[in-house]
Amino acid sequence: MTTNATAPSGATTAAITRRTDTFLVTIANQKGGVGKTMLVLSLAAHTAKANGKAFVWDIDPQANAYDLTSVMETPGYDVVHELDPSQVANVRKMRQYDTIFVDCPGSLEGHDILSQIVKASTFVLIPYDHEPESVLPTLRTAKRVAQLGIPHAVVVTKANPQVGADHVMDAWKTLEDQGIPHFHSFVRLYRAWPNSLKAGVPITRWNERYAPKIREDIAAVHTELLLNIGRVHGARA
């Protein structure tokens, strides 16, 4: 694989490699600012904490996932900034990893994201903060992924813990009314996340009052993701 840049992870080499292609989980939404990079980096860090091998493919020209990981102290996963979507076949063959997380740009129109990356994905996760300006882009993203026949679901992000469950329930109803699949896990918004990035420490090792709550949310999303992937593979088998 030809890459623009690869950041060291501090991860140990896997003793056993997969016999099948690695899971490719694409995190995408036509709307920027909904938590794509947060979801990618936290899921990768959680995979590493669970003794798995994670690889982050940052295909966003802004390179936020790559830049943030580059200044972290032993994040535990590998990351690359590569803007060529045609590399997807080579990426899928990197069987030394359990999961590859793709951080997409705010638009799916350029760089053949839909025609190459999404079509090659094992699963597409669509973060959604349920703000008025995010509703239509999220619905459009989900419907376009559905047209390609790729397994997918929306996950609510940036949920305000002070509001309670009403915000999340309203988000789910909005999605259900449009026939959009969604996770029942969600990610709450706490200052511990940006604080961990500022300190250059993965959220899995960050020691702050609400950091355990973020880890709890991410663990739930990760579990639901694996369950969905398992159901997809089981159905195909």
C-alpha atoms as a PDB file:
ATOM      1  CA  MET A   1       0.000   0.000   0.000  1.00  0.00           C
ATOM      2  CA  THR A   2       1.346   3.394  -0.980  1.00  0.00           C
ATOM      3  CA  THR A   3       0.633   5.886   1.763  1.00  0.00           C
ATOM      4  CA  ASN A   4       1.057   9.586   2.330  1.00  0.00           C
ATOM      5  CA  ALA A   5       2.099   9.091   5.940  1.00  0.00           C
ATOM      6  CA  THR A   6       1.858   6.499   8.652  1.00  0.00           C
ATOM      7  CA  ALA A   7       2.070   7.276  12.349  1.00  0.00           C
ATOM      8  CA  PRO A   8       3.711   4.883  14.825  1.00  0.00           C
ATOM      9  CA  SER A   9       1.282   3.282  17.228  1.00  0.00           C
ATOM     10  CA  GLY A  10       3.281   1.598  19.939  1.00  0.00           C
ATOM     11  CA  ALA A  11       1.125  -1.477  19.354  1.00  0.00           C
ATOM     12  CA  THR A  12       2.624  -4.926  19.613  1.00  0.00           C
ATOM     13  CA  THR A  13       2.782  -7.209  16.595  1.00  0.00           C
ATOM     14  CA  ALA A  14      -0.098  -9.665  16.394  1.00  0.00           C
ATOM     15  CA  ALA A  15       0.895 -13.264  17.006  1.00  0.00           C
ATOM     16  CA  ILE A  16      -1.875 -14.588  14.761  1.00  0.00           C
ATOM     17  CA  THR A  17      -3.083 -13.069  11.504  1.00  0.00           C
ATOM     18  CA  ARG A  18      -6.571 -13.468  10.076  1.00  0.00           C
ATOM     19  CA  ARG A  19      -7.368 -16.021   7.390  1.00  0.00           C
ATOM     20  CA  THR A  20     -10.019 -13.777   5.872  1.00  0.00           C
ATOM     21  CA  ASP A  21      -9.970 -10.137   4.836  1.00  0.00           C
ATOM     22  CA  THR A  22     -10.052  -7.630   7.670  1.00  0.00           C
ATOM     23  CA  PHE A  23     -13.345  -5.966   8.617  1.00  0.00           C
ATOM     24  CA  LEU A  24     -13.590  -2.543   6.964  1.00  0.00           C
ATOM     25  CA  VAL A  25     -15.824  -0.210   8.978  1.00  0.00           C
ATOM     26  CA  THR A  26     -16.442   3.114   7.273  1.00  0.00           C
ATOM     27  CA  ILE A  27     -17.526   6.091   9.382  1.00  0.00           C
ATOM     28  CA  ALA A  28     -19.343   8.483   7.069  1.00  0.00           C
ATOM     29  CA  ASN A  29     -21.823  11.330   6.933  1.00  0.00           C
ATOM     30  CA  GLN A  30     -22.314  14.083   4.370  1.00  0.00           C
ATOM     31  CA  LYS A  31     -22.521  16.510   7.294  1.00  0.00           C
ATOM     32  CA  GLY A  32     -19.310  17.566   8.979  1.00  0.00           C
ATOM     33  CA  GLY A  33     -18.980  18.073  12.721  1.00  0.00           C
ATOM     34  CA  VAL A  34     -21.189  15.147  13.754  1.00  0.00           C
ATOM     35  CA  GLY A  35     -18.413  13.194  15.479  1.00  0.00           C
ATOM     36  CA  LYS A  36     -16.853  11.030  12.761  1.00  0.00           C
ATOM     37  CA  THR A  37     -13.276  11.413  13.956  1.00  0.00           C
ATOM     38  CA  MET A  38     -14.303  11.040  17.605  1.00  0.00           C
ATOM     39  CA  LEU A  39     -16.015   7.751  16.768  1.00  0.00           C
ATOM     40  CA  VAL A  40     -13.116   6.453  14.665  1.00  0.00           C
ATOM     41  CA  LEU A  41     -10.381   7.190  17.190  1.00  0.00           C
ATOM     42  CA  SER A  42     -12.321   6.023  20.234  1.00  0.00           C
ATOM     43  CA  LEU A  43     -13.390   2.765  18.558  1.00  0.00           C
ATOM     44  CA  ALA A  44      -9.807   2.124  17.460  1.00  0.00           C
ATOM     45  CA  ALA A  45      -8.518   2.825  20.973  1.00  0.00           C
ATOM     46  CA  HIS A  46     -11.158   0.539  22.462  1.00  0.00           C
ATOM     47  CA  THR A  47     -10.174  -2.239  20.050  1.00  0.00           C
ATOM     48  CA  ALA A  48      -6.566  -1.880  21.166  1.00  0.00           C
ATOM     49  CA  LYS A  49      -7.575  -1.922  24.837  1.00  0.00           C
ATOM     50  CA  ALA A  50      -9.433  -5.182  24.191  1.00  0.00           C
ATOM     51  CA  ASN A  51      -6.146  -6.651  22.864  1.00  0.00           C
ATOM     52  CA  GLY A  52      -7.302  -6.331  19.271  1.00  0.00           C
ATOM     53  CA  LYS A  53      -5.426  -4.837  16.341  1.00  0.00           C
ATOM     54  CA  ALA A  54      -6.946  -1.699  14.823  1.00  0.00           C
ATOM     55  CA  PHE A  55      -5.938   0.358  11.817  1.00  0.00           C
ATOM     56  CA  VAL A  56      -7.274   3.851  11.103  1.00  0.00           C
ATOM     57  CA  TRP A  57      -7.433   4.970   7.489  1.00  0.00           C
ATOM     58  CA  ASP A  58      -7.809   8.758   7.375  1.00  0.00           C
ATOM     59  CA  ILE A  59      -9.071   9.605   3.887  1.00  0.00           C
ATOM     60  CA  ASP A  60     -10.136  13.117   4.875  1.00  0.00           C
ATOM     61  CA  PRO A  61      -7.938  15.869   3.333  1.00  0.00           C
ATOM     62  CA  GLN A  62      -8.075  17.671   6.692  1.00  0.00           C
ATOM     63  CA  ALA A  63      -6.207  14.718   8.268  1.00  0.00           C
ATOM     64  CA  ASN A  64      -7.672  15.237  11.729  1.00  0.00           C
ATOM     65  CA  ALA A  65      -7.533  11.561  12.696  1.00  0.00           C
ATOM     66  CA  TYR A  66      -3.933  11.273  11.542  1.00  0.00           C
ATOM     67  CA  ASP A  67      -2.787  14.529  13.152  1.00  0.00           C
ATOM     68  CA  LEU A  68      -4.445  13.797  16.497  1.00  0.00           C
ATOM     69  CA  THR A  69      -3.027  10.274  16.633  1.00  0.00           C
ATOM     70  CA  SER A  70       0.451  11.464  15.690  1.00  0.00           C
ATOM     71  CA  VAL A  71       0.789  13.431  18.920  1.00  0.00           C
ATOM     72  CA  MET A  72      -0.641  10.712  21.164  1.00  0.00           C
ATOM     73  CA  GLU A  73       1.513   8.698  23.504  1.00  0.00           C
ATOM     74  CA  THR A  74       1.297   5.069  22.296  1.00  0.00           C
ATOM     75  CA  PRO A  75      -2.305   5.106  21.016  1.00  0.00           C
ATOM     76  CA  GLY A  76      -2.182   1.341  20.502  1.00  0.00           C
ATOM     77  CA  TYR A  77      -3.409   1.388  16.905  1.00  0.00           C
ATOM     78  CA  ASP A  78      -1.869   2.294  13.558  1.00  0.00           C
ATOM     79  CA  VAL A  79      -3.006   5.186  11.383  1.00  0.00           C
ATOM     80  CA  VAL A  80      -2.377   6.311   7.830  1.00  0.00           C
ATOM     81  CA  HIS A  81      -3.330   9.413   5.873  1.00  0.00           C
ATOM     82  CA  GLU A  82      -4.047   8.176   2.373  1.00  0.00           C
ATOM     83  CA  LEU A  83      -6.301  10.045  -0.051  1.00  0.00           C
ATOM     84  CA  ASP A  84      -6.410   7.445  -2.808  1.00  0.00           C
ATOM     85  CA  PRO A  85      -9.613   5.371  -2.479  1.00  0.00           C
ATOM     86  CA  SER A  86      -8.333   2.865  -5.038  1.00  0.00           C
ATOM     87  CA  GLN A  87      -6.085   1.518  -2.269  1.00  0.00           C
ATOM     88  CA  VAL A  88      -9.107  -0.066  -0.606  1.00  0.00           C
ATOM     89  CA  ALA A  89      -8.414  -3.543  -2.029  1.00  0.00           C
ATOM     90  CA  ASN A  90      -4.881  -3.473  -0.608  1.00  0.00           C
ATOM     91  CA  VAL A  91      -6.134  -2.203   2.739  1.00  0.00           C
ATOM     92  CA  ARG A  92      -8.666  -5.015   3.057  1.00  0.00           C
ATOM     93  CA  LYS A  93      -5.851  -7.539   2.601  1.00  0.00           C
ATOM     94  CA  MET A  94      -3.913  -6.317   5.650  1.00  0.00           C
ATOM     95  CA  ARG A  95      -4.898  -9.336   7.712  1.00  0.00           C
ATOM     96  CA  GLN A  96      -2.659  -8.481  10.654  1.00  0.00           C
ATOM     97  CA  TYR A  97      -5.491  -6.196  11.814  1.00  0.00           C
ATOM     98  CA  ASP A  98      -8.872  -7.135  13.259  1.00  0.00           C
ATOM     99  CA  THR A  99     -10.690  -3.997  12.149  1.00  0.00           C
ATOM    100  CA  ILE A 100      -9.934  -1.086   9.836  1.00  0.00           C
ATOM    101  CA  PHE A 101     -11.801   2.128  10.609  1.00  0.00           C
ATOM    102  CA  VAL A 102     -12.114   4.660   7.778  1.00  0.00           C
ATOM    103  CA  ASP A 103     -12.512   8.336   8.666  1.00  0.00           C
ATOM    104  CA  CYS A 104     -14.271   9.935   5.689  1.00  0.00           C
ATOM    105  CA  PRO A 105     -14.437  13.602   4.707  1.00  0.00           C
ATOM    106  CA  GLY A 106     -17.540  15.688   5.298  1.00  0.00           C
ATOM    107  CA  SER A 107     -18.705  15.098   1.716  1.00  0.00           C
ATOM    108  CA  LEU A 108     -19.148  11.746   0.030  1.00  0.00           C
ATOM    109  CA  GLU A 109     -19.217  13.242  -3.446  1.00  0.00           C
ATOM    110  CA  GLY A 110     -15.489  13.493  -4.138  1.00  0.00           C
ATOM    111  CA  HIS A 111     -12.602  11.043  -4.156  1.00  0.00           C
ATOM    112  CA  ASP A 112     -14.878   8.137  -5.188  1.00  0.00           C
ATOM    113  CA  ILE A 113     -15.812   7.533  -1.553  1.00  0.00           C
ATOM    114  CA  LEU A 114     -19.177   6.010  -2.443  1.00  0.00           C
ATOM    115  CA  SER A 115     -18.119   4.014  -5.471  1.00  0.00           C
ATOM    116  CA  GLN A 116     -15.018   2.499  -3.901  1.00  0.00           C
ATOM    117  CA  ILE A 117     -14.725   2.843  -0.118  1.00  0.00           C
ATOM    118  CA  VAL A 118     -18.367   2.387   0.864  1.00  0.00           C
ATOM    119  CA  LYS A 119     -18.952  -0.422  -1.650  1.00  0.00           C
ATOM    120  CA  ALA A 120     -15.995  -2.343  -0.211  1.00  0.00           C
ATOM    121  CA  SER A 121     -17.067  -1.855   3.415  1.00  0.00           C
ATOM    122  CA  THR A 122     -18.096  -4.600   5.789  1.00  0.00           C
ATOM    123  CA  PHE A 123     -20.291  -2.097   7.622  1.00  0.00           C
ATOM    124  CA  VAL A 124     -20.984   1.641   7.440  1.00  0.00           C
ATOM    125  CA  LEU A 125     -21.523   3.542  10.670  1.00  0.00           C
ATOM    126  CA  ILE A 126     -23.204   6.946  10.319  1.00  0.00           C
ATOM    127  CA  PRO A 127     -22.724   9.309  13.289  1.00  0.00           C
ATOM    128  CA  TYR A 128     -25.622  11.681  13.942  1.00  0.00           C
ATOM    129  CA  ASP A 129     -25.822  14.508  16.480  1.00  0.00           C
ATOM    130  CA  HIS A 130     -29.560  15.144  15.872  1.00  0.00           C
ATOM    131  CA  GLU A 131     -29.190  18.845  15.266  1.00  0.00           C
ATOM    132  CA  PRO A 132     -31.522  20.518  12.731  1.00  0.00           C
ATOM    133  CA  GLU A 133     -28.753  21.042  10.184  1.00  0.00           C
ATOM    134  CA  SER A 134     -27.714  17.385  10.444  1.00  0.00           C
ATOM    135  CA  VAL A 135     -31.057  15.682   9.825  1.00  0.00           C
ATOM    136  CA  LEU A 136     -31.280  15.808   6.026  1.00  0.00           C
ATOM    137  CA  PRO A 137     -27.576  15.067   5.340  1.00  0.00           C
ATOM    138  CA  THR A 138     -27.785  12.059   7.655  1.00  0.00           C
ATOM    139  CA  LEU A 139     -30.931  10.734   5.958  1.00  0.00           C
ATOM    140  CA  ARG A 140     -29.362  11.253   2.525  1.00  0.00           C
ATOM    141  CA  THR A 141     -26.199   9.454   3.588  1.00  0.00           C
ATOM    142  CA  ALA A 142     -28.131   6.471   4.959  1.00  0.00           C
ATOM    143  CA  LYS A 143     -30.299   6.195   1.857  1.00  0.00           C
ATOM    144  CA  ARG A 144     -27.329   6.343  -0.501  1.00  0.00           C
ATOM    145  CA  VAL A 145     -25.518   3.634   1.438  1.00  0.00           C
ATOM    146  CA  ALA A 146     -28.714   1.553   1.406  1.00  0.00           C
ATOM    147  CA  GLN A 147     -28.909   1.898  -2.375  1.00  0.00           C
ATOM    148  CA  LEU A 148     -25.480   0.268  -2.587  1.00  0.00           C
ATOM    149  CA  GLY A 149     -26.713  -2.658  -0.499  1.00  0.00           C
ATOM    150  CA  ILE A 150     -24.093  -2.178   2.226  1.00  0.00           C
ATOM    151  CA  PRO A 151     -25.025  -3.041   5.851  1.00  0.00           C
ATOM    152  CA  HIS A 152     -25.247   0.166   7.852  1.00  0.00           C
ATOM    153  CA  ALA A 153     -26.732   1.929  10.855  1.00  0.00           C
ATOM    154  CA  VAL A 154     -26.871   5.388  12.383  1.00  0.00           C
ATOM    155  CA  VAL A 155     -25.427   5.964  15.843  1.00  0.00           C
ATOM    156  CA  VAL A 156     -26.413   9.035  17.867  1.00  0.00           C
ATOM    157  CA  THR A 157     -23.402  11.085  18.973  1.00  0.00           C
ATOM    158  CA  LYS A 158     -22.867  14.172  21.102  1.00  0.00           C
ATOM    159  CA  ALA A 159     -25.910  13.413  23.243  1.00  0.00           C
ATOM    160  CA  ASN A 160     -26.225  16.007  26.001  1.00  0.00           C
ATOM    161  CA  PRO A 161     -26.280  14.105  29.336  1.00  0.00           C
ATOM    162  CA  GLN A 162     -28.080  17.027  31.005  1.00  0.00           C
ATOM    163  CA  VAL A 163     -31.076  16.675  28.693  1.00  0.00           C
ATOM    164  CA  GLY A 164     -31.715  13.055  29.548  1.00  0.00           C
ATOM    165  CA  ALA A 165     -33.110  10.452  27.179  1.00  0.00           C
ATOM    166  CA  ASP A 166     -35.531  12.746  25.348  1.00  0.00           C
ATOM    167  CA  HIS A 167     -32.938  13.941  22.820  1.00  0.00           C
ATOM    168  CA  VAL A 168     -31.862  10.406  21.936  1.00  0.00           C
ATOM    169  CA  MET A 169     -35.428   9.099  21.785  1.00  0.00           C
ATOM    170  CA  ASP A 170     -36.426  11.923  19.446  1.00  0.00           C
ATOM    171  CA  ALA A 171     -33.425  11.144  17.240  1.00  0.00           C
ATOM    172  CA  TRP A 172     -34.425   7.488  17.057  1.00  0.00           C
ATOM    173  CA  LYS A 173     -38.016   8.394  16.149  1.00  0.00           C
ATOM    174  CA  THR A 174     -36.771  10.665  13.357  1.00  0.00           C
ATOM    175  CA  LEU A 175     -34.739   7.792  11.937  1.00  0.00           C
ATOM    176  CA  GLU A 176     -37.452   5.177  12.398  1.00  0.00           C
ATOM    177  CA  ASP A 177     -40.019   7.347  10.624  1.00  0.00           C
ATOM    178  CA  GLN A 178     -37.712   7.259   7.592  1.00  0.00           C
ATOM    179  CA  GLY A 179     -36.981   3.544   7.877  1.00  0.00           C
ATOM    180  CA  ILE A 180     -33.322   4.172   8.770  1.00  0.00           C
ATOM    181  CA  PRO A 181     -31.648   1.499  10.952  1.00  0.00           C
ATOM    182  CA  HIS A 182     -29.951   2.762  14.113  1.00  0.00           C
ATOM    183  CA  PHE A 183     -27.967   1.472  17.061  1.00  0.00           C
ATOM    184  CA  HIS A 184     -29.517   1.421  20.515  1.00  0.00           C
ATOM    185  CA  SER A 185     -26.182   2.472  21.970  1.00  0.00           C
ATOM    186  CA  PHE A 186     -25.155   6.130  21.725  1.00  0.00           C
ATOM    187  CA  VAL A 187     -22.300   8.439  22.702  1.00  0.00           C
ATOM    188  CA  ARG A 188     -22.741  11.223  25.232  1.00  0.00           C
ATOM    189  CA  LEU A 189     -20.901  14.523  25.018  1.00  0.00           C
ATOM    190  CA  TYR A 190     -18.419  15.200  27.817  1.00  0.00           C
ATOM    191  CA  ARG A 191     -15.426  17.540  28.006  1.00  0.00           C
ATOM    192  CA  ALA A 192     -13.263  14.541  28.844  1.00  0.00           C
ATOM    193  CA  TRP A 193     -13.011  13.729  25.129  1.00  0.00           C
ATOM    194  CA  PRO A 194     -11.403  17.005  23.893  1.00  0.00           C
ATOM    195  CA  ASN A 195      -9.377  17.177  27.103  1.00  0.00           C
ATOM    196  CA  SER A 196      -7.859  13.764  26.386  1.00  0.00           C
ATOM    197  CA  LEU A 197      -6.937  14.871  22.860  1.00  0.00           C
ATOM    198  CA  LYS A 198      -5.348  18.050  24.188  1.00  0.00           C
ATOM    199  CA  ALA A 199      -3.241  15.955  26.556  1.00  0.00           C
ATOM    200  CA  GLY A 200      -2.308  13.483  23.832  1.00  0.00           C
ATOM    201  CA  VAL A 201      -3.727  10.504  25.725  1.00  0.00           C
ATOM    202  CA  PRO A 202      -6.228   7.981  24.257  1.00  0.00           C
ATOM    203  CA  ILE A 203      -9.631   8.144  25.917  1.00  0.00           C
ATOM    204  CA  THR A 204      -9.105   4.545  27.079  1.00  0.00           C
ATOM    205  CA  ARG A 205      -6.327   5.756  29.388  1.00  0.00           C
ATOM    206  CA  TRP A 206      -7.537   9.253  30.209  1.00  0.00           C
ATOM    207  CA  ASN A 207      -8.155   9.882  33.907  1.00  0.00           C
ATOM    208  CA  GLU A 208     -10.919  12.427  34.338  1.00  0.00           C
ATOM    209  CA  ARG A 209     -14.290  12.458  36.084  1.00  0.00           C
ATOM    210  CA  TYR A 210     -16.462  11.593  33.094  1.00  0.00           C
ATOM    211  CA  ALA A 211     -13.947   9.663  31.010  1.00  0.00           C
ATOM    212  CA  PRO A 212     -15.330   6.298  32.259  1.00  0.00           C
ATOM    213  CA  LYS A 213     -18.756   7.272  30.926  1.00  0.00           C
ATOM    214  CA  ILE A 214     -17.298   7.883  27.464  1.00  0.00           C
ATOM    215  CA  ARG A 215     -15.526   4.543  27.618  1.00  0.00           C
ATOM    216  CA  GLU A 216     -18.802   2.911  28.625  1.00  0.00           C
ATOM    217  CA  ASP A 217     -20.576   4.441  25.621  1.00  0.00           C
ATOM    218  CA  ILE A 218     -17.839   3.473  23.177  1.00  0.00           C
ATOM    219  CA  ALA A 219     -17.708  -0.082  24.513  1.00  0.00           C
ATOM    220  CA  ALA A 220     -21.472  -0.385  23.949  1.00  0.00           C
ATOM    221  CA  VAL A 221     -21.186   0.940  20.382  1.00  0.00           C
ATOM    222  CA  HIS A 222     -18.260  -1.403  19.686  1.00  0.00           C
ATOM    223  CA  THR A 223     -20.200  -4.410  20.975  1.00  0.00           C
ATOM    224  CA  GLU A 224     -23.284  -3.522  18.927  1.00  0.00           C
ATOM    225  CA  LEU A 225     -21.072  -3.048  15.862  1.00  0.00           C
ATOM    226  CA  LEU A 226     -19.547  -6.503  16.233  1.00  0.00           C
ATOM    227  CA  LEU A 227     -22.968  -8.048  16.777  1.00  0.00           C
ATOM    228  CA  ASN A 228     -24.245  -6.454  13.571  1.00  0.00           C
ATOM    229  CA  ILE A 229     -21.210  -7.592  11.612  1.00  0.00           C
ATOM    230  CA  GLY A 230     -21.680 -11.096  13.002  1.00  0.00           C
ATOM    231  CA  ARG A 231     -25.324 -11.138  11.900  1.00  0.00           C
ATOM    232  CA  VAL A 232     -24.355  -9.977   8.403  1.00  0.00           C
ATOM    233  CA  HIS A 233     -21.715 -12.667   8.034  1.00  0.00           C
ATOM    234  CA  GLY A 234     -24.023 -15.275   9.505  1.00  0.00           C
ATOM    235  CA  ALA A 235     -26.780 -14.410   7.049  1.00  0.00           C
ATOM    236  CA  ARG A 236     -24.372 -14.564   4.103  1.00  0.00           C
ATOM    237  CA  ALA A 237     -23.038 -17.910   5.250  1.00  0.00           C
END
